[in-house]
Amino acid sequence: MITRYSQILNSPVVTLDEQQNLGIVSDIVLNKTDLTIKAFLIKTMPIIPLYKVISFSDVVEIASNAILVQNDKAISDMKDSIRVKEAIKSRTHGVRQRVYTKSKKFIGIVYDYTIHAETGKIMKFYLKTIFSERIIGTETVNEFVGKRIIIEDDFETISNKNTELETA
């Protein structure tokens, strides 16, 4: 199943063992090297937010209306996951990243992306500029550096003012 970042955001995280709600997804942290999901940032209390982490490897299923984990042992404190904490500090979320070609031409800002739910692999990025919207495949990505995504100069895009997002 292919899902979108925007669909996962604010989804509940539910345990299969006890049908317990652990919180809601507040963001997704990506692996820069292979463009996969590293972890989900979870908000556990709606009044005074406490943020915890669930590694992608602990996810049983990304359903259309929830993230499913086996039990409450899947959730951990941010201080326990140094790599995820570093990725959060470097803002490796995928959205709000600025996209440039290798020759430094600005292409747009990522506002959404599609994810293969079983593998956690990012499939496509959805970009906006003031005048257009574009879809780029992750195969065009060369580097993910800080808040920038660098792509090939000869990238193929689909450009349309009313671009529809893909869902399966």
N, C-alpha and C. Protein backbone atom coordinates (compact mmCIF):
# COMPACT_ATOMS: atom_id res chain seq x y z
N MET A 1 0.84 -1.17 0.00
CA MET A 1 0.00 0.00 0.00
C MET A 1 0.89 1.25 0.00
N ILE A 2 0.50 2.21 -0.77
CA ILE A 2 1.17 3.51 -0.81
C ILE A 2 0.32 4.49 0.00
N THR A 3 0.97 5.22 0.90
CA THR A 3 0.26 6.20 1.70
C THR A 3 1.03 7.52 1.65
N ARG A 4 0.44 8.56 2.16
CA ARG A 4 1.07 9.87 2.14
C ARG A 4 1.47 10.30 3.54
N TYR A 5 2.49 11.12 3.59
CA TYR A 5 2.93 11.74 4.84
C TYR A 5 1.75 12.44 5.50
N SER A 6 0.99 13.21 4.71
CA SER A 6 -0.13 13.98 5.26
C SER A 6 -1.24 13.10 5.83
N GLN A 7 -1.35 11.85 5.36
CA GLN A 7 -2.34 10.93 5.91
C GLN A 7 -1.87 10.32 7.23
N ILE A 8 -0.58 10.12 7.36
CA ILE A 8 -0.02 9.51 8.57
C ILE A 8 0.01 10.52 9.72
N LEU A 9 0.29 11.78 9.40
CA LEU A 9 0.34 12.81 10.41
C LEU A 9 -0.97 12.86 11.20
N ASN A 10 -0.89 12.91 12.51
CA ASN A 10 -2.03 12.94 13.43
C ASN A 10 -2.81 11.64 13.51
N SER A 11 -2.26 10.55 12.96
CA SER A 11 -2.89 9.23 13.10
C SER A 11 -2.60 8.68 14.49
N PRO A 12 -3.54 7.94 15.07
CA PRO A 12 -3.27 7.33 16.37
C PRO A 12 -2.29 6.17 16.24
N VAL A 13 -1.53 5.93 17.30
CA VAL A 13 -0.65 4.77 17.38
C VAL A 13 -1.31 3.81 18.36
N VAL A 14 -1.63 2.61 17.87
CA VAL A 14 -2.43 1.66 18.65
C VAL A 14 -1.67 0.35 18.81
N THR A 15 -1.75 -0.24 20.03
CA THR A 15 -1.12 -1.54 20.26
C THR A 15 -2.09 -2.65 19.85
N LEU A 16 -1.54 -3.71 19.28
CA LEU A 16 -2.36 -4.85 18.90
C LEU A 16 -2.72 -5.70 20.11
N ASP A 17 -1.80 -5.80 21.07
CA ASP A 17 -2.03 -6.64 22.26
C ASP A 17 -3.23 -6.20 23.08
N GLU A 18 -3.28 -4.92 23.43
CA GLU A 18 -4.32 -4.45 24.34
C GLU A 18 -5.24 -3.40 23.73
N GLN A 19 -5.09 -3.13 22.44
CA GLN A 19 -5.88 -2.08 21.76
C GLN A 19 -5.77 -0.75 22.50
N GLN A 20 -4.58 -0.46 22.97
CA GLN A 20 -4.30 0.76 23.73
C GLN A 20 -3.81 1.84 22.78
N ASN A 21 -4.30 3.07 22.96
CA ASN A 21 -3.84 4.20 22.17
C ASN A 21 -2.62 4.80 22.87
N LEU A 22 -1.46 4.78 22.18
CA LEU A 22 -0.23 5.28 22.77
C LEU A 22 0.00 6.76 22.52
N GLY A 23 -0.72 7.34 21.57
CA GLY A 23 -0.56 8.74 21.23
C GLY A 23 -0.86 8.95 19.76
N ILE A 24 -0.44 10.11 19.24
CA ILE A 24 -0.66 10.40 17.82
C ILE A 24 0.68 10.73 17.15
N VAL A 25 0.76 10.46 15.86
CA VAL A 25 1.97 10.76 15.10
C VAL A 25 2.07 12.26 14.89
N SER A 26 3.16 12.85 15.39
CA SER A 26 3.34 14.29 15.20
C SER A 26 4.32 14.59 14.06
N ASP A 27 5.17 13.62 13.72
CA ASP A 27 6.07 13.79 12.58
C ASP A 27 6.75 12.47 12.25
N ILE A 28 7.42 12.47 11.11
CA ILE A 28 8.16 11.30 10.65
C ILE A 28 9.61 11.73 10.47
N VAL A 29 10.53 10.89 10.93
CA VAL A 29 11.96 11.15 10.79
C VAL A 29 12.50 10.20 9.73
N LEU A 30 13.27 10.74 8.78
CA LEU A 30 13.76 9.95 7.65
C LEU A 30 15.24 9.61 7.78
N ASN A 31 15.62 8.48 7.15
CA ASN A 31 17.02 8.15 6.92
C ASN A 31 17.45 8.91 5.68
N LYS A 32 18.45 9.75 5.79
CA LYS A 32 18.91 10.53 4.64
C LYS A 32 19.56 9.65 3.58
N THR A 33 20.21 8.59 4.01
CA THR A 33 21.00 7.79 3.07
C THR A 33 20.15 6.98 2.10
N ASP A 34 19.09 6.34 2.59
CA ASP A 34 18.30 5.48 1.70
C ASP A 34 16.85 5.95 1.54
N LEU A 35 16.53 7.13 2.06
CA LEU A 35 15.18 7.72 1.96
C LEU A 35 14.09 6.76 2.43
N THR A 36 14.28 6.25 3.63
CA THR A 36 13.28 5.41 4.29
C THR A 36 12.91 6.05 5.62
N ILE A 37 11.83 5.56 6.21
CA ILE A 37 11.41 6.05 7.53
C ILE A 37 12.34 5.48 8.59
N LYS A 38 12.90 6.35 9.39
CA LYS A 38 13.73 5.94 10.53
C LYS A 38 12.84 5.71 11.74
N ALA A 39 11.92 6.67 11.99
CA ALA A 39 11.09 6.59 13.18
C ALA A 39 9.89 7.52 13.06
N PHE A 40 8.96 7.31 13.96
CA PHE A 40 7.79 8.19 14.08
C PHE A 40 7.93 8.95 15.39
N LEU A 41 7.72 10.24 15.35
CA LEU A 41 7.70 11.07 16.54
C LEU A 41 6.26 11.08 17.04
N ILE A 42 6.04 10.67 18.28
CA ILE A 42 4.70 10.48 18.84
C ILE A 42 4.44 11.48 19.95
N LYS A 43 3.29 12.14 19.90
CA LYS A 43 2.85 13.03 20.98
C LYS A 43 1.94 12.19 21.87
N THR A 44 2.32 12.05 23.15
CA THR A 44 1.60 11.13 24.04
C THR A 44 0.53 11.78 24.91
N MET A 45 0.61 13.08 25.14
CA MET A 45 -0.41 13.72 25.97
C MET A 45 -0.91 14.97 25.25
N PRO A 46 -2.22 15.09 25.03
CA PRO A 46 -2.71 16.24 24.28
C PRO A 46 -2.63 17.58 25.01
N ILE A 47 -2.69 17.59 26.34
CA ILE A 47 -2.68 18.86 27.07
C ILE A 47 -1.24 19.37 27.25
N ILE A 48 -0.40 18.58 27.88
CA ILE A 48 1.02 18.89 28.02
C ILE A 48 1.76 17.85 27.17
N PRO A 49 2.13 18.23 25.96
CA PRO A 49 2.70 17.22 25.07
C PRO A 49 4.03 16.65 25.55
N LEU A 50 4.10 15.34 25.55
CA LEU A 50 5.35 14.62 25.78
C LEU A 50 5.64 13.88 24.48
N TYR A 51 6.85 14.02 23.98
CA TYR A 51 7.19 13.39 22.71
C TYR A 51 8.02 12.14 22.95
N LYS A 52 7.62 11.09 22.28
CA LYS A 52 8.32 9.80 22.35
C LYS A 52 8.61 9.36 20.92
N VAL A 53 9.28 8.23 20.79
CA VAL A 53 9.71 7.74 19.49
C VAL A 53 9.30 6.29 19.30
N ILE A 54 8.90 5.96 18.09
CA ILE A 54 8.68 4.57 17.70
C ILE A 54 9.51 4.32 16.45
N SER A 55 10.42 3.38 16.52
CA SER A 55 11.25 3.02 15.39
C SER A 55 10.39 2.36 14.32
N PHE A 56 10.71 2.57 13.05
CA PHE A 56 9.95 1.95 11.97
C PHE A 56 9.97 0.43 12.09
N SER A 57 11.07 -0.13 12.59
CA SER A 57 11.17 -1.59 12.73
C SER A 57 10.19 -2.14 13.75
N ASP A 58 9.66 -1.30 14.65
CA ASP A 58 8.68 -1.73 15.64
C ASP A 58 7.23 -1.61 15.14
N VAL A 59 7.04 -1.08 13.96
CA VAL A 59 5.70 -0.92 13.40
C VAL A 59 5.27 -2.23 12.74
N VAL A 60 4.09 -2.71 13.13
CA VAL A 60 3.53 -3.92 12.55
C VAL A 60 2.84 -3.58 11.23
N GLU A 61 2.10 -2.46 11.22
CA GLU A 61 1.38 -2.07 10.02
C GLU A 61 1.09 -0.57 10.03
N ILE A 62 1.17 0.02 8.85
CA ILE A 62 0.70 1.38 8.66
C ILE A 62 -0.66 1.23 7.98
N ALA A 63 -1.71 1.36 8.75
CA ALA A 63 -3.07 1.22 8.23
C ALA A 63 -3.56 2.58 7.73
N SER A 64 -4.70 2.58 7.08
CA SER A 64 -5.23 3.83 6.54
C SER A 64 -5.65 4.81 7.63
N ASN A 65 -5.92 4.32 8.84
CA ASN A 65 -6.39 5.21 9.90
C ASN A 65 -5.57 5.12 11.19
N ALA A 66 -4.46 4.36 11.20
CA ALA A 66 -3.66 4.22 12.41
C ALA A 66 -2.31 3.57 12.11
N ILE A 67 -1.40 3.75 13.05
CA ILE A 67 -0.12 3.04 13.03
C ILE A 67 -0.25 1.95 14.09
N LEU A 68 0.00 0.70 13.70
CA LEU A 68 -0.16 -0.41 14.62
C LEU A 68 1.20 -0.95 15.07
N VAL A 69 1.33 -1.13 16.39
CA VAL A 69 2.53 -1.73 16.99
C VAL A 69 2.07 -2.90 17.84
N GLN A 70 2.98 -3.81 18.15
CA GLN A 70 2.60 -5.01 18.90
C GLN A 70 2.16 -4.68 20.32
N ASN A 71 2.98 -3.90 21.03
CA ASN A 71 2.66 -3.56 22.42
C ASN A 71 3.31 -2.23 22.80
N ASP A 72 3.11 -1.83 24.05
CA ASP A 72 3.62 -0.51 24.49
C ASP A 72 5.14 -0.48 24.65
N LYS A 73 5.82 -1.61 24.51
CA LYS A 73 7.28 -1.64 24.57
C LYS A 73 7.90 -1.03 23.30
N ALA A 74 7.09 -0.83 22.27
CA ALA A 74 7.58 -0.24 21.01
C ALA A 74 7.90 1.24 21.16
N ILE A 75 7.30 1.88 22.12
CA ILE A 75 7.49 3.32 22.30
C ILE A 75 8.63 3.57 23.28
N SER A 76 9.49 4.54 22.97
CA SER A 76 10.62 4.84 23.85
C SER A 76 10.82 6.34 23.99
N ASP A 77 11.58 6.72 25.00
CA ASP A 77 11.89 8.13 25.22
C ASP A 77 12.87 8.61 24.16
N MET A 78 12.78 9.88 23.84
CA MET A 78 13.69 10.46 22.85
C MET A 78 15.14 10.36 23.31
N LYS A 79 15.38 10.49 24.60
CA LYS A 79 16.75 10.45 25.11
C LYS A 79 17.39 9.08 24.91
N ASP A 80 16.57 8.03 24.74
CA ASP A 80 17.08 6.68 24.54
C ASP A 80 17.51 6.42 23.10
N SER A 81 17.12 7.26 22.19
CA SER A 81 17.43 7.07 20.78
C SER A 81 18.26 8.25 20.26
N ILE A 82 19.56 8.14 20.38
CA ILE A 82 20.47 9.24 20.02
C ILE A 82 20.40 9.54 18.53
N ARG A 83 20.36 8.52 17.68
CA ARG A 83 20.32 8.75 16.23
C ARG A 83 19.05 9.46 15.80
N VAL A 84 17.93 9.08 16.39
CA VAL A 84 16.66 9.73 16.05
C VAL A 84 16.69 11.16 16.56
N LYS A 85 17.21 11.37 17.74
CA LYS A 85 17.30 12.72 18.31
C LYS A 85 18.16 13.62 17.41
N GLU A 86 19.26 13.10 16.90
CA GLU A 86 20.12 13.87 15.99
C GLU A 86 19.39 14.17 14.69
N ALA A 87 18.64 13.20 14.17
CA ALA A 87 17.89 13.40 12.93
C ALA A 87 16.79 14.45 13.12
N ILE A 88 16.16 14.46 14.28
CA ILE A 88 15.13 15.46 14.57
C ILE A 88 15.76 16.85 14.63
N LYS A 89 16.92 16.96 15.27
CA LYS A 89 17.62 18.24 15.35
C LYS A 89 18.01 18.75 13.97
N SER A 90 18.39 17.84 13.08
CA SER A 90 18.79 18.26 11.73
C SER A 90 17.59 18.44 10.80
N ARG A 91 16.39 18.25 11.34
CA ARG A 91 15.13 18.47 10.61
C ARG A 91 15.02 17.60 9.36
N THR A 92 15.32 16.33 9.53
CA THR A 92 15.22 15.38 8.43
C THR A 92 13.81 14.80 8.41
N HIS A 93 12.86 15.63 8.00
CA HIS A 93 11.46 15.21 7.99
C HIS A 93 10.91 15.01 6.58
N GLY A 94 11.58 15.56 5.61
CA GLY A 94 11.07 15.46 4.23
C GLY A 94 10.25 16.66 3.83
N VAL A 95 9.30 17.06 4.65
CA VAL A 95 8.50 18.25 4.31
C VAL A 95 9.27 19.50 4.71
N ARG A 96 8.98 20.57 4.00
CA ARG A 96 9.63 21.87 4.16
C ARG A 96 11.10 21.86 3.74
N GLN A 97 11.55 20.75 3.13
CA GLN A 97 12.90 20.70 2.58
C GLN A 97 12.90 21.47 1.27
N ARG A 98 13.96 22.18 0.99
CA ARG A 98 14.10 22.91 -0.27
C ARG A 98 14.82 21.99 -1.26
N VAL A 99 14.32 21.95 -2.49
CA VAL A 99 14.88 21.05 -3.50
C VAL A 99 15.60 21.87 -4.57
N TYR A 100 16.85 21.47 -4.83
CA TYR A 100 17.69 22.12 -5.83
C TYR A 100 18.28 21.06 -6.76
N THR A 101 18.62 21.48 -7.98
CA THR A 101 19.37 20.60 -8.87
C THR A 101 20.85 20.68 -8.49
N LYS A 102 21.65 19.77 -9.06
CA LYS A 102 23.09 19.80 -8.80
C LYS A 102 23.70 21.13 -9.25
N SER A 103 23.11 21.75 -10.27
CA SER A 103 23.62 23.04 -10.75
C SER A 103 23.00 24.22 -9.98
N LYS A 104 22.39 23.93 -8.85
CA LYS A 104 21.89 24.93 -7.89
C LYS A 104 20.63 25.68 -8.33
N LYS A 105 19.87 25.07 -9.23
CA LYS A 105 18.60 25.67 -9.64
C LYS A 105 17.53 25.26 -8.62
N PHE A 106 16.81 26.24 -8.06
CA PHE A 106 15.74 25.97 -7.10
C PHE A 106 14.55 25.36 -7.82
N ILE A 107 14.04 24.23 -7.32
CA ILE A 107 12.92 23.53 -7.94
C ILE A 107 11.63 23.72 -7.16
N GLY A 108 11.70 23.73 -5.82
CA GLY A 108 10.51 23.91 -5.01
C GLY A 108 10.74 23.46 -3.58
N ILE A 109 9.66 23.51 -2.80
CA ILE A 109 9.69 23.09 -1.40
C ILE A 109 8.75 21.90 -1.24
N VAL A 110 9.22 20.87 -0.56
CA VAL A 110 8.43 19.65 -0.36
C VAL A 110 7.27 19.95 0.58
N TYR A 111 6.03 19.62 0.14
CA TYR A 111 4.88 19.78 1.02
C TYR A 111 4.23 18.44 1.38
N ASP A 112 4.59 17.38 0.68
CA ASP A 112 4.06 16.05 0.99
C ASP A 112 4.94 15.03 0.28
N TYR A 113 4.80 13.76 0.66
CA TYR A 113 5.49 12.70 -0.05
C TYR A 113 4.74 11.39 0.15
N THR A 114 4.97 10.46 -0.77
CA THR A 114 4.33 9.15 -0.67
C THR A 114 5.33 8.15 -0.10
N ILE A 115 4.77 7.18 0.64
CA ILE A 115 5.57 6.18 1.33
C ILE A 115 5.01 4.81 1.01
N HIS A 116 5.90 3.86 0.74
CA HIS A 116 5.49 2.46 0.60
C HIS A 116 5.35 1.94 2.03
N ALA A 117 4.12 1.63 2.43
CA ALA A 117 3.82 1.32 3.83
C ALA A 117 4.57 0.09 4.37
N GLU A 118 4.80 -0.91 3.53
CA GLU A 118 5.47 -2.12 4.01
C GLU A 118 6.97 -1.94 4.19
N THR A 119 7.60 -1.17 3.31
CA THR A 119 9.06 -1.02 3.36
C THR A 119 9.50 0.29 4.02
N GLY A 120 8.61 1.27 4.11
CA GLY A 120 8.96 2.57 4.66
C GLY A 120 9.75 3.43 3.69
N LYS A 121 9.86 3.01 2.44
CA LYS A 121 10.63 3.74 1.43
C LYS A 121 9.81 4.92 0.89
N ILE A 122 10.45 6.07 0.80
CA ILE A 122 9.82 7.24 0.19
C ILE A 122 9.79 7.00 -1.32
N MET A 123 8.63 7.20 -1.94
CA MET A 123 8.48 6.92 -3.37
C MET A 123 8.59 8.20 -4.20
N LYS A 124 7.84 9.24 -3.81
CA LYS A 124 7.82 10.49 -4.57
C LYS A 124 7.70 11.67 -3.60
N PHE A 125 8.29 12.78 -4.02
CA PHE A 125 8.16 14.03 -3.30
C PHE A 125 7.23 14.95 -4.08
N TYR A 126 6.38 15.69 -3.37
CA TYR A 126 5.47 16.67 -3.96
C TYR A 126 5.98 18.05 -3.60
N LEU A 127 6.26 18.86 -4.62
CA LEU A 127 6.89 20.17 -4.44
C LEU A 127 5.97 21.28 -4.89
N LYS A 128 6.16 22.43 -4.26
CA LYS A 128 5.43 23.65 -4.65
C LYS A 128 6.39 24.79 -4.81
N THR A 129 6.04 25.65 -5.77
CA THR A 129 6.62 26.98 -5.83
C THR A 129 5.42 27.91 -5.91
N ILE A 130 5.65 29.17 -6.02
CA ILE A 130 4.53 30.12 -6.12
C ILE A 130 3.68 29.84 -7.34
N PHE A 131 4.32 29.41 -8.43
CA PHE A 131 3.62 29.27 -9.69
C PHE A 131 3.30 27.84 -10.12
N SER A 132 3.88 26.84 -9.47
CA SER A 132 3.65 25.48 -9.96
C SER A 132 3.76 24.45 -8.85
N GLU A 133 3.34 23.25 -9.20
CA GLU A 133 3.51 22.08 -8.34
C GLU A 133 4.18 21.01 -9.18
N ARG A 134 5.01 20.21 -8.56
CA ARG A 134 5.73 19.16 -9.27
C ARG A 134 5.80 17.90 -8.42
N ILE A 135 5.97 16.80 -9.11
CA ILE A 135 6.19 15.52 -8.46
C ILE A 135 7.53 15.01 -8.95
N ILE A 136 8.41 14.62 -8.02
CA ILE A 136 9.68 14.04 -8.44
C ILE A 136 9.84 12.68 -7.77
N GLY A 137 10.36 11.73 -8.51
CA GLY A 137 10.66 10.41 -7.96
C GLY A 137 11.94 10.44 -7.16
N THR A 138 12.03 9.60 -6.18
CA THR A 138 13.23 9.58 -5.32
C THR A 138 14.46 9.08 -6.06
N GLU A 139 14.27 8.44 -7.21
CA GLU A 139 15.43 7.98 -7.98
C GLU A 139 16.25 9.16 -8.52
N THR A 140 15.68 10.36 -8.54
CA THR A 140 16.41 11.55 -9.00
C THR A 140 17.23 12.20 -7.88
N VAL A 141 17.02 11.76 -6.64
CA VAL A 141 17.70 12.39 -5.49
C VAL A 141 19.15 11.93 -5.40
N ASN A 142 20.06 12.90 -5.36
CA ASN A 142 21.49 12.62 -5.19
C ASN A 142 21.90 12.70 -3.73
N GLU A 143 21.47 13.77 -3.06
CA GLU A 143 21.88 14.01 -1.68
C GLU A 143 20.74 14.63 -0.88
N PHE A 144 20.79 14.38 0.41
CA PHE A 144 19.87 14.99 1.36
C PHE A 144 20.79 15.67 2.36
N VAL A 145 21.01 16.97 2.20
CA VAL A 145 22.00 17.70 3.00
C VAL A 145 21.29 18.77 3.80
N GLY A 146 21.29 18.62 5.12
CA GLY A 146 20.63 19.61 5.97
C GLY A 146 19.17 19.74 5.60
N LYS A 147 18.76 20.96 5.28
CA LYS A 147 17.37 21.21 4.89
C LYS A 147 17.20 21.21 3.38
N ARG A 148 18.19 20.67 2.67
CA ARG A 148 18.15 20.67 1.20
C ARG A 148 18.17 19.26 0.65
N ILE A 149 17.44 19.09 -0.44
CA ILE A 149 17.49 17.86 -1.22
C ILE A 149 18.09 18.26 -2.57
N ILE A 150 19.15 17.57 -2.96
CA ILE A 150 19.82 17.84 -4.23
C ILE A 150 19.44 16.73 -5.21
N ILE A 151 18.96 17.13 -6.40
CA ILE A 151 18.54 16.16 -7.40
C ILE A 151 19.37 16.33 -8.68
N GLU A 152 19.25 15.35 -9.58
CA GLU A 152 19.92 15.40 -10.87
C GLU A 152 19.48 16.63 -11.65
N ASP A 153 20.34 17.12 -12.51
CA ASP A 153 19.99 18.25 -13.36
C ASP A 153 18.97 17.87 -14.43
N ASP A 154 18.99 16.63 -14.88
CA ASP A 154 18.09 16.19 -15.94
C ASP A 154 16.89 15.41 -15.38
N PHE A 155 16.35 15.90 -14.26
CA PHE A 155 15.23 15.22 -13.61
C PHE A 155 13.98 15.31 -14.49
N GLU A 156 13.10 14.32 -14.30
CA GLU A 156 11.80 14.37 -14.97
C GLU A 156 10.77 14.76 -13.93
N THR A 157 9.94 15.71 -14.26
CA THR A 157 8.90 16.13 -13.33
C THR A 157 7.55 16.10 -14.01
N ILE A 158 6.55 16.04 -13.21
CA ILE A 158 5.19 16.22 -13.68
C ILE A 158 4.76 17.55 -13.11
N SER A 159 4.47 18.50 -13.96
CA SER A 159 4.15 19.84 -13.50
C SER A 159 2.71 20.17 -13.85
N ASN A 160 1.93 20.50 -12.84
CA ASN A 160 0.53 20.80 -13.05
C ASN A 160 0.05 21.60 -11.85
N LYS A 161 -0.67 22.65 -12.07
CA LYS A 161 -1.18 23.50 -10.99
C LYS A 161 -2.12 22.73 -10.06
N ASN A 162 -2.86 21.74 -10.59
CA ASN A 162 -3.82 20.98 -9.78
C ASN A 162 -3.39 19.54 -9.62
N THR A 163 -2.13 19.30 -9.25
CA THR A 163 -1.60 17.96 -9.12
C THR A 163 -2.35 17.20 -8.03
N GLU A 164 -2.82 16.01 -8.35
CA GLU A 164 -3.48 15.15 -7.37
C GLU A 164 -2.44 14.25 -6.74
N LEU A 165 -2.52 14.00 -5.46
CA LEU A 165 -1.62 13.09 -4.79
C LEU A 165 -2.08 11.67 -5.04
N GLU A 166 -1.09 10.77 -5.15
CA GLU A 166 -1.39 9.36 -5.38
C GLU A 166 -1.75 8.67 -4.08
N THR A 167 -2.74 7.82 -4.14
CA THR A 167 -3.05 6.92 -3.02
C THR A 167 -3.41 5.58 -3.61
N ALA A 168 -3.23 4.56 -2.84
CA ALA A 168 -3.58 3.23 -3.31
C ALA A 168 -4.75 2.71 -2.54
